Amino acid sequence: MDVLKQGSREFALMRSLAIRFRGILRNGESSKLEIWIDDAVSSGLAPMVPFARVLHRDIDAVRNAIELPWSNGQAEGQINRLKTIKRAMYGRAGTELLGARMLPLINNHHHTK
């Protein structure tokens, strides 16, 4: 790693930006986000500049994602489960079988709450 850092200014800068960004996410420090975006854009690094510009364009949403404790993980998990079942059943049966496959999942989910 040290050889890479010494041999490439771009690699060292990319690594530094990545570590700082990870710190912003982990520590919920959205106040440091705009400085990071400015540094990433001014770095001129091809992978970082477009990423930083997208973050800046959606700055309010990014701040909320950093600061707020909410997650859509539960909904994404249910969507993924439904898509997996649909893929497994593709071309095999109609909506009746899909309903039969989904009802146990839905009923089980309601009983666990």
PDB file of N, CA and C in Angstrom:
ATOM      1  N   MET A   1       0.826  -1.186   0.000  1.00  0.00           N
ATOM      2  CA  MET A   1       0.000   0.000   0.000  1.00  0.00           C
ATOM      3  C   MET A   1       0.873   1.252   0.000  1.00  0.00           C
ATOM      4  N   ASP A   2       1.920   1.254   0.829  1.00  0.00           N
ATOM      5  CA  ASP A   2       2.787   2.428   0.892  1.00  0.00           C
ATOM      6  C   ASP A   2       3.466   2.702  -0.436  1.00  0.00           C
ATOM      7  N   VAL A   3       3.830   1.633  -1.153  1.00  0.00           N
ATOM      8  CA  VAL A   3       4.469   1.798  -2.462  1.00  0.00           C
ATOM      9  C   VAL A   3       3.505   2.477  -3.428  1.00  0.00           C
ATOM     10  N   LEU A   4       2.231   2.050  -3.399  1.00  0.00           N
ATOM     11  CA  LEU A   4       1.226   2.680  -4.259  1.00  0.00           C
ATOM     12  C   LEU A   4       1.047   4.147  -3.909  1.00  0.00           C
ATOM     13  N   LYS A   5       0.967   4.443  -2.616  1.00  0.00           N
ATOM     14  CA  LYS A   5       0.778   5.838  -2.201  1.00  0.00           C
ATOM     15  C   LYS A   5       1.955   6.705  -2.640  1.00  0.00           C
ATOM     16  N   GLN A   6       3.169   6.177  -2.504  1.00  0.00           N
ATOM     17  CA  GLN A   6       4.350   6.954  -2.883  1.00  0.00           C
ATOM     18  C   GLN A   6       4.443   7.114  -4.395  1.00  0.00           C
ATOM     19  N   GLY A   7       4.039   6.094  -5.130  1.00  0.00           N
ATOM     20  CA  GLY A   7       4.193   6.096  -6.585  1.00  0.00           C
ATOM     21  C   GLY A   7       3.131   6.881  -7.326  1.00  0.00           C
ATOM     22  N   SER A   8       2.023   7.153  -6.698  1.00  0.00           N
ATOM     23  CA  SER A   8       0.935   7.791  -7.419  1.00  0.00           C
ATOM     24  C   SER A   8       0.240   8.830  -6.545  1.00  0.00           C
ATOM     25  N   ARG A   9       0.409  10.084  -6.898  1.00  0.00           N
ATOM     26  CA  ARG A   9      -0.282  11.159  -6.192  1.00  0.00           C
ATOM     27  C   ARG A   9      -1.783  10.976  -6.311  1.00  0.00           C
ATOM     28  N   GLU A  10      -2.253  10.534  -7.504  1.00  0.00           N
ATOM     29  CA  GLU A  10      -3.688  10.340  -7.725  1.00  0.00           C
ATOM     30  C   GLU A  10      -4.250   9.256  -6.818  1.00  0.00           C
ATOM     31  N   PHE A  11      -3.484   8.167  -6.659  1.00  0.00           N
ATOM     32  CA  PHE A  11      -3.945   7.087  -5.783  1.00  0.00           C
ATOM     33  C   PHE A  11      -4.054   7.579  -4.345  1.00  0.00           C
ATOM     34  N   ALA A  12      -3.042   8.292  -3.888  1.00  0.00           N
ATOM     35  CA  ALA A  12      -3.052   8.797  -2.507  1.00  0.00           C
ATOM     36  C   ALA A  12      -4.218   9.750  -2.288  1.00  0.00           C
ATOM     37  N   LEU A  13      -4.469  10.614  -3.265  1.00  0.00           N
ATOM     38  CA  LEU A  13      -5.570  11.564  -3.149  1.00  0.00           C
ATOM     39  C   LEU A  13      -6.920  10.842  -3.157  1.00  0.00           C
ATOM     40  N   MET A  14      -7.076   9.874  -4.055  1.00  0.00           N
ATOM     41  CA  MET A  14      -8.318   9.088  -4.131  1.00  0.00           C
ATOM     42  C   MET A  14      -8.564   8.369  -2.803  1.00  0.00           C
ATOM     43  N   ARG A  15      -7.516   7.759  -2.263  1.00  0.00           N
ATOM     44  CA  ARG A  15      -7.634   7.028  -1.003  1.00  0.00           C
ATOM     45  C   ARG A  15      -8.011   7.982   0.131  1.00  0.00           C
ATOM     46  N   SER A  16      -7.385   9.142   0.173  1.00  0.00           N
ATOM     47  CA  SER A  16      -7.684  10.128   1.211  1.00  0.00           C
ATOM     48  C   SER A  16      -9.140  10.591   1.129  1.00  0.00           C
ATOM     49  N   LEU A  17      -9.605  10.868  -0.086  1.00  0.00           N
ATOM     50  CA  LEU A  17     -11.006  11.279  -0.256  1.00  0.00           C
ATOM     51  C   LEU A  17     -11.961  10.170   0.169  1.00  0.00           C
ATOM     52  N   ALA A  18     -11.641   8.933  -0.194  1.00  0.00           N
ATOM     53  CA  ALA A  18     -12.509   7.803   0.160  1.00  0.00           C
ATOM     54  C   ALA A  18     -12.587   7.617   1.673  1.00  0.00           C
ATOM     55  N   ILE A  19     -11.444   7.742   2.345  1.00  0.00           N
ATOM     56  CA  ILE A  19     -11.420   7.583   3.803  1.00  0.00           C
ATOM     57  C   ILE A  19     -12.212   8.703   4.472  1.00  0.00           C
ATOM     58  N   ARG A  20     -12.048   9.919   3.988  1.00  0.00           N
ATOM     59  CA  ARG A  20     -12.808  11.043   4.544  1.00  0.00           C
ATOM     60  C   ARG A  20     -14.306  10.852   4.336  1.00  0.00           C
ATOM     61  N   PHE A  21     -14.696  10.390   3.137  1.00  0.00           N
ATOM     62  CA  PHE A  21     -16.117  10.189   2.855  1.00  0.00           C
ATOM     63  C   PHE A  21     -16.693   9.106   3.765  1.00  0.00           C
ATOM     64  N   ARG A  22     -15.946   8.029   3.940  1.00  0.00           N
ATOM     65  CA  ARG A  22     -16.391   6.964   4.840  1.00  0.00           C
ATOM     66  C   ARG A  22     -16.578   7.506   6.255  1.00  0.00           C
ATOM     67  N   GLY A  23     -15.675   8.365   6.699  1.00  0.00           N
ATOM     68  CA  GLY A  23     -15.797   8.970   8.024  1.00  0.00           C
ATOM     69  C   GLY A  23     -17.046   9.830   8.151  1.00  0.00           C
ATOM     70  N   ILE A  24     -17.347  10.590   7.090  1.00  0.00           N
ATOM     71  CA  ILE A  24     -18.557  11.420   7.090  1.00  0.00           C
ATOM     72  C   ILE A  24     -19.788  10.542   7.247  1.00  0.00           C
ATOM     73  N   LEU A  25     -19.834   9.435   6.526  1.00  0.00           N
ATOM     74  CA  LEU A  25     -20.981   8.526   6.606  1.00  0.00           C
ATOM     75  C   LEU A  25     -21.070   7.855   7.973  1.00  0.00           C
ATOM     76  N   ARG A  26     -19.956   7.303   8.419  1.00  0.00           N
ATOM     77  CA  ARG A  26     -19.963   6.558   9.683  1.00  0.00           C
ATOM     78  C   ARG A  26     -20.273   7.428  10.887  1.00  0.00           C
ATOM     79  N   ASN A  27     -19.761   8.647  10.879  1.00  0.00           N
ATOM     80  CA  ASN A  27     -19.912   9.526  12.040  1.00  0.00           C
ATOM     81  C   ASN A  27     -21.098  10.473  11.940  1.00  0.00           C
ATOM     82  N   GLY A  28     -21.843  10.389  10.830  1.00  0.00           N
ATOM     83  CA  GLY A  28     -23.005  11.250  10.659  1.00  0.00           C
ATOM     84  C   GLY A  28     -22.654  12.723  10.585  1.00  0.00           C
ATOM     85  N   GLU A  29     -21.497  13.032   9.998  1.00  0.00           N
ATOM     86  CA  GLU A  29     -21.006  14.406   9.959  1.00  0.00           C
ATOM     87  C   GLU A  29     -21.370  15.098   8.649  1.00  0.00           C
ATOM     88  N   SER A  30     -22.650  15.333   8.448  1.00  0.00           N
ATOM     89  CA  SER A  30     -23.078  15.939   7.192  1.00  0.00           C
ATOM     90  C   SER A  30     -22.565  17.369   7.035  1.00  0.00           C
ATOM     91  N   SER A  31     -22.161  17.994   8.132  1.00  0.00           N
ATOM     92  CA  SER A  31     -21.622  19.359   8.049  1.00  0.00           C
ATOM     93  C   SER A  31     -20.316  19.396   7.251  1.00  0.00           C
ATOM     94  N   LYS A  32     -19.625  18.274   7.171  1.00  0.00           N
ATOM     95  CA  LYS A  32     -18.359  18.208   6.429  1.00  0.00           C
ATOM     96  C   LYS A  32     -18.555  17.825   4.968  1.00  0.00           C
ATOM     97  N   LEU A  33     -19.800  17.564   4.584  1.00  0.00           N
ATOM     98  CA  LEU A  33     -20.083  17.062   3.248  1.00  0.00           C
ATOM     99  C   LEU A  33     -19.732  18.064   2.140  1.00  0.00           C
ATOM    100  N   GLU A  34     -20.130  19.309   2.299  1.00  0.00           N
ATOM    101  CA  GLU A  34     -19.882  20.284   1.232  1.00  0.00           C
ATOM    102  C   GLU A  34     -18.391  20.542   1.024  1.00  0.00           C
ATOM    103  N   ILE A  35     -17.630  20.564   2.100  1.00  0.00           N
ATOM    104  CA  ILE A  35     -16.171  20.722   1.969  1.00  0.00           C
ATOM    105  C   ILE A  35     -15.603  19.525   1.212  1.00  0.00           C
ATOM    106  N   TRP A  36     -16.086  18.320   1.556  1.00  0.00           N
ATOM    107  CA  TRP A  36     -15.618  17.112   0.871  1.00  0.00           C
ATOM    108  C   TRP A  36     -15.961  17.182  -0.617  1.00  0.00           C
ATOM    109  N   ILE A  37     -17.180  17.610  -0.940  1.00  0.00           N
ATOM    110  CA  ILE A  37     -17.595  17.709  -2.339  1.00  0.00           C
ATOM    111  C   ILE A  37     -16.693  18.686  -3.085  1.00  0.00           C
ATOM    112  N   ASP A  38     -16.425  19.845  -2.492  1.00  0.00           N
ATOM    113  CA  ASP A  38     -15.541  20.826  -3.127  1.00  0.00           C
ATOM    114  C   ASP A  38     -14.147  20.236  -3.355  1.00  0.00           C
ATOM    115  N   ASP A  39     -13.618  19.543  -2.357  1.00  0.00           N
ATOM    116  CA  ASP A  39     -12.291  18.929  -2.486  1.00  0.00           C
ATOM    117  C   ASP A  39     -12.282  17.852  -3.571  1.00  0.00           C
ATOM    118  N   ALA A  40     -13.361  17.048  -3.637  1.00  0.00           N
ATOM    119  CA  ALA A  40     -13.441  15.988  -4.641  1.00  0.00           C
ATOM    120  C   ALA A  40     -13.507  16.562  -6.050  1.00  0.00           C
ATOM    121  N   VAL A  41     -14.297  17.618  -6.237  1.00  0.00           N
ATOM    122  CA  VAL A  41     -14.413  18.247  -7.549  1.00  0.00           C
ATOM    123  C   VAL A  41     -13.078  18.883  -7.946  1.00  0.00           C
ATOM    124  N   SER A  42     -12.457  19.585  -7.009  1.00  0.00           N
ATOM    125  CA  SER A  42     -11.197  20.255  -7.339  1.00  0.00           C
ATOM    126  C   SER A  42     -10.040  19.272  -7.500  1.00  0.00           C
ATOM    127  N   SER A  43     -10.207  18.027  -7.048  1.00  0.00           N
ATOM    128  CA  SER A  43      -9.147  17.022  -7.221  1.00  0.00           C
ATOM    129  C   SER A  43      -8.906  16.710  -8.694  1.00  0.00           C
ATOM    130  N   GLY A  44      -9.960  16.846  -9.507  1.00  0.00           N
ATOM    131  CA  GLY A  44      -9.834  16.531 -10.922  1.00  0.00           C
ATOM    132  C   GLY A  44      -9.780  15.047 -11.221  1.00  0.00           C
ATOM    133  N   LEU A  45      -9.958  14.209 -10.212  1.00  0.00           N
ATOM    134  CA  LEU A  45      -9.911  12.757 -10.418  1.00  0.00           C
ATOM    135  C   LEU A  45     -11.160  12.294 -11.163  1.00  0.00           C
ATOM    136  N   ALA A  46     -10.943  11.596 -12.273  1.00  0.00           N
ATOM    137  CA  ALA A  46     -12.058  11.210 -13.145  1.00  0.00           C
ATOM    138  C   ALA A  46     -13.181  10.466 -12.414  1.00  0.00           C
ATOM    139  N   PRO A  47     -12.894   9.514 -11.542  1.00  0.00           N
ATOM    140  CA  PRO A  47     -14.011   8.819 -10.873  1.00  0.00           C
ATOM    141  C   PRO A  47     -14.705   9.672  -9.806  1.00  0.00           C
ATOM    142  N   MET A  48     -13.991  10.589  -9.194  1.00  0.00           N
ATOM    143  CA  MET A  48     -14.532  11.351  -8.069  1.00  0.00           C
ATOM    144  C   MET A  48     -15.395  12.534  -8.499  1.00  0.00           C
ATOM    145  N   VAL A  49     -15.006  13.212  -9.563  1.00  0.00           N
ATOM    146  CA  VAL A  49     -15.693  14.451  -9.954  1.00  0.00           C
ATOM    147  C   VAL A  49     -17.173  14.207 -10.256  1.00  0.00           C
ATOM    148  N   PRO A  50     -17.529  13.243 -11.116  1.00  0.00           N
ATOM    149  CA  PRO A  50     -18.968  13.033 -11.368  1.00  0.00           C
ATOM    150  C   PRO A  50     -19.725  12.593 -10.115  1.00  0.00           C
ATOM    151  N   PHE A  51     -19.095  11.756  -9.304  1.00  0.00           N
ATOM    152  CA  PHE A  51     -19.729  11.297  -8.060  1.00  0.00           C
ATOM    153  C   PHE A  51     -20.020  12.485  -7.150  1.00  0.00           C
ATOM    154  N   ALA A  52     -19.040  13.362  -6.982  1.00  0.00           N
ATOM    155  CA  ALA A  52     -19.212  14.526  -6.122  1.00  0.00           C
ATOM    156  C   ALA A  52     -20.290  15.459  -6.667  1.00  0.00           C
ATOM    157  N   ARG A  53     -20.351  15.606  -7.972  1.00  0.00           N
ATOM    158  CA  ARG A  53     -21.366  16.484  -8.568  1.00  0.00           C
ATOM    159  C   ARG A  53     -22.772  15.938  -8.355  1.00  0.00           C
ATOM    160  N   VAL A  54     -22.920  14.630  -8.434  1.00  0.00           N
ATOM    161  CA  VAL A  54     -24.234  14.016  -8.179  1.00  0.00           C
ATOM    162  C   VAL A  54     -24.618  14.225  -6.712  1.00  0.00           C
ATOM    163  N   LEU A  55     -23.654  14.063  -5.811  1.00  0.00           N
ATOM    164  CA  LEU A  55     -23.940  14.315  -4.392  1.00  0.00           C
ATOM    165  C   LEU A  55     -24.382  15.761  -4.183  1.00  0.00           C
ATOM    166  N   HIS A  56     -23.704  16.682  -4.848  1.00  0.00           N
ATOM    167  CA  HIS A  56     -24.053  18.098  -4.688  1.00  0.00           C
ATOM    168  C   HIS A  56     -25.443  18.390  -5.230  1.00  0.00           C
ATOM    169  N   ARG A  57     -25.781  17.759  -6.359  1.00  0.00           N
ATOM    170  CA  ARG A  57     -27.094  17.979  -6.973  1.00  0.00           C
ATOM    171  C   ARG A  57     -28.219  17.527  -6.036  1.00  0.00           C
ATOM    172  N   ASP A  58     -27.988  16.439  -5.310  1.00  0.00           N
ATOM    173  CA  ASP A  58     -29.001  15.888  -4.403  1.00  0.00           C
ATOM    174  C   ASP A  58     -28.596  16.090  -2.943  1.00  0.00           C
ATOM    175  N   ILE A  59     -28.009  17.234  -2.630  1.00  0.00           N
ATOM    176  CA  ILE A  59     -27.400  17.466  -1.318  1.00  0.00           C
ATOM    177  C   ILE A  59     -28.372  17.273  -0.165  1.00  0.00           C
ATOM    178  N   ASP A  60     -29.619  17.703  -0.317  1.00  0.00           N
ATOM    179  CA  ASP A  60     -30.579  17.547   0.785  1.00  0.00           C
ATOM    180  C   ASP A  60     -30.864  16.074   1.073  1.00  0.00           C
ATOM    181  N   ALA A  61     -31.035  15.298   0.017  1.00  0.00           N
ATOM    182  CA  ALA A  61     -31.290  13.860   0.198  1.00  0.00           C
ATOM    183  C   ALA A  61     -30.080  13.171   0.816  1.00  0.00           C
ATOM    184  N   VAL A  62     -28.880  13.570   0.388  1.00  0.00           N
ATOM    185  CA  VAL A  62     -27.664  12.966   0.934  1.00  0.00           C
ATOM    186  C   VAL A  62     -27.519  13.311   2.411  1.00  0.00           C
ATOM    187  N   ARG A  63     -27.774  14.569   2.757  1.00  0.00           N
ATOM    188  CA  ARG A  63     -27.726  14.976   4.171  1.00  0.00           C
ATOM    189  C   ARG A  63     -28.710  14.157   5.009  1.00  0.00           C
ATOM    190  N   ASN A  64     -29.929  14.011   4.490  1.00  0.00           N
ATOM    191  CA  ASN A  64     -30.932  13.223   5.216  1.00  0.00           C
ATOM    192  C   ASN A  64     -30.480  11.780   5.399  1.00  0.00           C
ATOM    193  N   ALA A  65     -29.879  11.213   4.362  1.00  0.00           N
ATOM    194  CA  ALA A  65     -29.408   9.826   4.457  1.00  0.00           C
ATOM    195  C   ALA A  65     -28.323   9.689   5.517  1.00  0.00           C
ATOM    196  N   ILE A  66     -27.496  10.713   5.657  1.00  0.00           N
ATOM    197  CA  ILE A  66     -26.422  10.674   6.652  1.00  0.00           C
ATOM    198  C   ILE A  66     -26.971  10.894   8.055  1.00  0.00           C
ATOM    199  N   GLU A  67     -27.894  11.828   8.204  1.00  0.00           N
ATOM    200  CA  GLU A  67     -28.338  12.256   9.532  1.00  0.00           C
ATOM    201  C   GLU A  67     -29.484  11.429  10.115  1.00  0.00           C
ATOM    202  N   LEU A  68     -30.413  11.004   9.270  1.00  0.00           N
ATOM    203  CA  LEU A  68     -31.625  10.366   9.776  1.00  0.00           C
ATOM    204  C   LEU A  68     -31.437   8.865   9.962  1.00  0.00           C
ATOM    205  N   PRO A  69     -32.066   8.300  10.983  1.00  0.00           N
ATOM    206  CA  PRO A  69     -31.862   6.884  11.292  1.00  0.00           C
ATOM    207  C   PRO A  69     -32.700   5.929  10.440  1.00  0.00           C
ATOM    208  N   TRP A  70     -33.557   6.451   9.575  1.00  0.00           N
ATOM    209  CA  TRP A  70     -34.460   5.593   8.838  1.00  0.00           C
ATOM    210  C   TRP A  70     -33.738   4.833   7.743  1.00  0.00           C
ATOM    211  N   SER A  71     -34.294   3.668   7.433  1.00  0.00           N
ATOM    212  CA  SER A  71     -33.733   2.831   6.381  1.00  0.00           C
ATOM    213  C   SER A  71     -34.877   2.200   5.601  1.00  0.00           C
ATOM    214  N   ASN A  72     -34.674   1.990   4.311  1.00  0.00           N
ATOM    215  CA  ASN A  72     -35.681   1.297   3.517  1.00  0.00           C
ATOM    216  C   ASN A  72     -35.286  -0.164   3.318  1.00  0.00           C
ATOM    217  N   GLY A  73     -34.394  -0.651   4.154  1.00  0.00           N
ATOM    218  CA  GLY A  73     -33.908  -2.026   4.042  1.00  0.00           C
ATOM    219  C   GLY A  73     -35.016  -3.060   4.140  1.00  0.00           C
ATOM    220  N   GLN A  74     -35.982  -2.853   5.036  1.00  0.00           N
ATOM    221  CA  GLN A  74     -37.077  -3.810   5.208  1.00  0.00           C
ATOM    222  C   GLN A  74     -37.909  -3.908   3.941  1.00  0.00           C
ATOM    223  N   ALA A  75     -38.252  -2.754   3.367  1.00  0.00           N
ATOM    224  CA  ALA A  75     -39.042  -2.756   2.124  1.00  0.00           C
ATOM    225  C   ALA A  75     -38.249  -3.387   0.984  1.00  0.00           C
ATOM    226  N   GLU A  76     -36.963  -3.048   0.875  1.00  0.00           N
ATOM    227  CA  GLU A  76     -36.128  -3.623  -0.191  1.00  0.00           C
ATOM    228  C   GLU A  76     -36.038  -5.139  -0.053  1.00  0.00           C
ATOM    229  N   GLY A  77     -35.971  -5.621   1.174  1.00  0.00           N
ATOM    230  CA  GLY A  77     -35.919  -7.068   1.399  1.00  0.00           C
ATOM    231  C   GLY A  77     -37.188  -7.764   0.930  1.00  0.00           C
ATOM    232  N   GLN A  78     -38.344  -7.150   1.208  1.00  0.00           N
ATOM    233  CA  GLN A  78     -39.611  -7.744   0.772  1.00  0.00           C
ATOM    234  C   GLN A  78     -39.734  -7.717  -0.751  1.00  0.00           C
ATOM    235  N   ILE A  79     -39.294  -6.625  -1.378  1.00  0.00           N
ATOM    236  CA  ILE A  79     -39.333  -6.530  -2.837  1.00  0.00           C
ATOM    237  C   ILE A  79     -38.425  -7.585  -3.448  1.00  0.00           C
ATOM    238  N   ASN A  80     -37.237  -7.762  -2.891  1.00  0.00           N
ATOM    239  CA  ASN A  80     -36.309  -8.765  -3.393  1.00  0.00           C
ATOM    240  C   ASN A  80     -36.903 -10.170  -3.267  1.00  0.00           C
ATOM    241  N   ARG A  81     -37.564 -10.444  -2.138  1.00  0.00           N
ATOM    242  CA  ARG A  81     -38.184 -11.760  -1.940  1.00  0.00           C
ATOM    243  C   ARG A  81     -39.277 -12.010  -2.985  1.00  0.00           C
ATOM    244  N   LEU A  82     -40.113 -10.999  -3.246  1.00  0.00           N
ATOM    245  CA  LEU A  82     -41.179 -11.129  -4.235  1.00  0.00           C
ATOM    246  C   LEU A  82     -40.592 -11.368  -5.635  1.00  0.00           C
ATOM    247  N   LYS A  83     -39.561 -10.624  -5.999  1.00  0.00           N
ATOM    248  CA  LYS A  83     -38.944 -10.797  -7.317  1.00  0.00           C
ATOM    249  C   LYS A  83     -38.324 -12.184  -7.466  1.00  0.00           C
ATOM    250  N   THR A  84     -37.732 -12.684  -6.390  1.00  0.00           N
ATOM    251  CA  THR A  84     -37.144 -14.024  -6.430  1.00  0.00           C
ATOM    252  C   THR A  84     -38.218 -15.078  -6.676  1.00  0.00           C
ATOM    253  N   ILE A  85     -39.342 -14.955  -5.984  1.00  0.00           N
ATOM    254  CA  ILE A  85     -40.451 -15.904  -6.165  1.00  0.00           C
ATOM    255  C   ILE A  85     -40.992 -15.798  -7.588  1.00  0.00           C
ATOM    256  N   LYS A  86     -41.168 -14.572  -8.084  1.00  0.00           N
ATOM    257  CA  LYS A  86     -41.692 -14.386  -9.439  1.00  0.00           C
ATOM    258  C   LYS A  86     -40.756 -15.005 -10.472  1.00  0.00           C
ATOM    259  N   ARG A  87     -39.435 -14.817 -10.301  1.00  0.00           N
ATOM    260  CA  ARG A  87     -38.466 -15.398 -11.234  1.00  0.00           C
ATOM    261  C   ARG A  87     -38.536 -16.926 -11.216  1.00  0.00           C
ATOM    262  N   ALA A  88     -38.652 -17.480 -10.011  1.00  0.00           N
ATOM    263  CA  ALA A  88     -38.693 -18.942  -9.881  1.00  0.00           C
ATOM    264  C   ALA A  88     -39.945 -19.515 -10.531  1.00  0.00           C
ATOM    265  N   MET A  89     -41.009 -18.732 -10.572  1.00  0.00           N
ATOM    266  CA  MET A  89     -42.281 -19.231 -11.091  1.00  0.00           C
ATOM    267  C   MET A  89     -42.541 -18.822 -12.534  1.00  0.00           C
ATOM    268  N   TYR A  90     -41.658 -18.048 -13.130  1.00  0.00           N
ATOM    269  CA  TYR A  90     -41.900 -17.505 -14.463  1.00  0.00           C
ATOM    270  C   TYR A  90     -42.298 -18.603 -15.449  1.00  0.00           C
ATOM    271  N   GLY A  91     -43.441 -18.435 -16.070  1.00  0.00           N
ATOM    272  CA  GLY A  91     -43.910 -19.372 -17.083  1.00  0.00           C
ATOM    273  C   GLY A  91     -44.534 -20.636 -16.547  1.00  0.00           C
ATOM    274  N   ARG A  92     -44.603 -20.814 -15.242  1.00  0.00           N
ATOM    275  CA  ARG A  92     -45.121 -22.066 -14.672  1.00  0.00           C
ATOM    276  C   ARG A  92     -46.593 -22.005 -14.338  1.00  0.00           C
ATOM    277  N   ALA A  93     -47.063 -20.875 -13.880  1.00  0.00           N
ATOM    278  CA  ALA A  93     -48.451 -20.819 -13.432  1.00  0.00           C
ATOM    279  C   ALA A  93     -48.931 -19.378 -13.412  1.00  0.00           C
ATOM    280  N   GLY A  94     -50.181 -19.220 -13.118  1.00  0.00           N
ATOM    281  CA  GLY A  94     -50.782 -17.888 -13.092  1.00  0.00           C
ATOM    282  C   GLY A  94     -50.735 -17.270 -11.708  1.00  0.00           C
ATOM    283  N   THR A  95     -51.631 -16.326 -11.539  1.00  0.00           N
ATOM    284  CA  THR A  95     -51.655 -15.573 -10.290  1.00  0.00           C
ATOM    285  C   THR A  95     -52.093 -16.411  -9.085  1.00  0.00           C
ATOM    286  N   GLU A  96     -52.828 -17.504  -9.337  1.00  0.00           N
ATOM    287  CA  GLU A  96     -53.279 -18.341  -8.217  1.00  0.00           C
ATOM    288  C   GLU A  96     -52.091 -18.939  -7.478  1.00  0.00           C
ATOM    289  N   LEU A  97     -51.129 -19.477  -8.259  1.00  0.00           N
ATOM    290  CA  LEU A  97     -49.968 -20.092  -7.618  1.00  0.00           C
ATOM    291  C   LEU A  97     -49.101 -19.020  -6.953  1.00  0.00           C
ATOM    292  N   LEU A  98     -48.989 -17.863  -7.587  1.00  0.00           N
ATOM    293  CA  LEU A  98     -48.230 -16.774  -6.981  1.00  0.00           C
ATOM    294  C   LEU A  98     -48.857 -16.393  -5.644  1.00  0.00           C
ATOM    295  N   GLY A  99     -50.190 -16.279  -5.613  1.00  0.00           N
ATOM    296  CA  GLY A  99     -50.878 -15.973  -4.363  1.00  0.00           C
ATOM    297  C   GLY A  99     -50.634 -17.039  -3.313  1.00  0.00           C
ATOM    298  N   ALA A 100     -50.651 -18.305  -3.729  1.00  0.00           N
ATOM    299  CA  ALA A 100     -50.417 -19.404  -2.794  1.00  0.00           C
ATOM    300  C   ALA A 100     -48.997 -19.348  -2.223  1.00  0.00           C
ATOM    301  N   ARG A 101     -48.045 -18.917  -3.055  1.00  0.00           N
ATOM    302  CA  ARG A 101     -46.665 -18.802  -2.581  1.00  0.00           C
ATOM    303  C   ARG A 101     -46.485 -17.596  -1.664  1.00  0.00           C
ATOM    304  N   MET A 102     -47.211 -16.513  -1.924  1.00  0.00           N
ATOM    305  CA  MET A 102     -47.020 -15.275  -1.162  1.00  0.00           C
ATOM    306  C   MET A 102     -47.800 -15.263   0.145  1.00  0.00           C
ATOM    307  N   LEU A 103     -48.982 -15.875   0.177  1.00  0.00           N
ATOM    308  CA  LEU A 103     -49.814 -15.807   1.377  1.00  0.00           C
ATOM    309  C   LEU A 103     -49.111 -16.319   2.637  1.00  0.00           C
ATOM    310  N   PRO A 104     -48.405 -17.452   2.565  1.00  0.00           N
ATOM    311  CA  PRO A 104     -47.706 -17.880   3.795  1.00  0.00           C
ATOM    312  C   PRO A 104     -46.689 -16.839   4.264  1.00  0.00           C
ATOM    313  N   LEU A 105     -46.011 -16.177   3.344  1.00  0.00           N
ATOM    314  CA  LEU A 105     -45.029 -15.154   3.719  1.00  0.00           C
ATOM    315  C   LEU A 105     -45.717 -13.963   4.358  1.00  0.00           C
ATOM    316  N   ILE A 106     -46.819 -13.536   3.754  1.00  0.00           N
ATOM    317  CA  ILE A 106     -47.551 -12.375   4.258  1.00  0.00           C
ATOM    318  C   ILE A 106     -48.162 -12.684   5.620  1.00  0.00           C
ATOM    319  N   ASN A 107     -48.823 -13.845   5.721  1.00  0.00           N
ATOM    320  CA  ASN A 107     -49.445 -14.226   6.996  1.00  0.00           C
ATOM    321  C   ASN A 107     -48.395 -14.382   8.088  1.00  0.00           C
ATOM    322  N   ASN A 108     -47.288 -14.994   7.767  1.00  0.00           N
ATOM    323  CA  ASN A 108     -46.217 -15.184   8.739  1.00  0.00           C
ATOM    324  C   ASN A 108     -45.677 -13.836   9.199  1.00  0.00           C
ATOM    325  N   HIS A 109     -45.527 -12.900   8.288  1.00  0.00           N
ATOM    326  CA  HIS A 109     -45.013 -11.579   8.624  1.00  0.00           C
ATOM    327  C   HIS A 109     -45.956 -10.854   9.582  1.00  0.00           C
ATOM    328  N   HIS A 110     -47.255 -10.960   9.371  1.00  0.00           N
ATOM    329  CA  HIS A 110     -48.224 -10.281  10.226  1.00  0.00           C
ATOM    330  C   HIS A 110     -48.278 -10.908  11.621  1.00  0.00           C
ATOM    331  N   HIS A 111     -48.064 -12.223  11.702  1.00  0.00           N
ATOM    332  CA  HIS A 111     -48.140 -12.899  12.997  1.00  0.00           C
ATOM    333  C   HIS A 111     -46.929 -12.609  13.856  1.00  0.00           C
ATOM    334  N   THR A 112     -45.816 -12.259  13.242  1.00  0.00           N
ATOM    335  CA  THR A 112     -44.597 -12.037  14.021  1.00  0.00           C
ATOM    336  C   THR A 112     -44.569 -10.663  14.656  1.00  0.00           C
ATOM    337  N   LYS A 113     -45.470  -9.776  14.270  1.00  0.00           N
ATOM    338  CA  LYS A 113     -45.467  -8.417  14.844  1.00  0.00           C
ATOM    339  C   LYS A 113     -46.319  -8.339  16.065  1.00  0.00           C
TER     340      LYS A 113
END
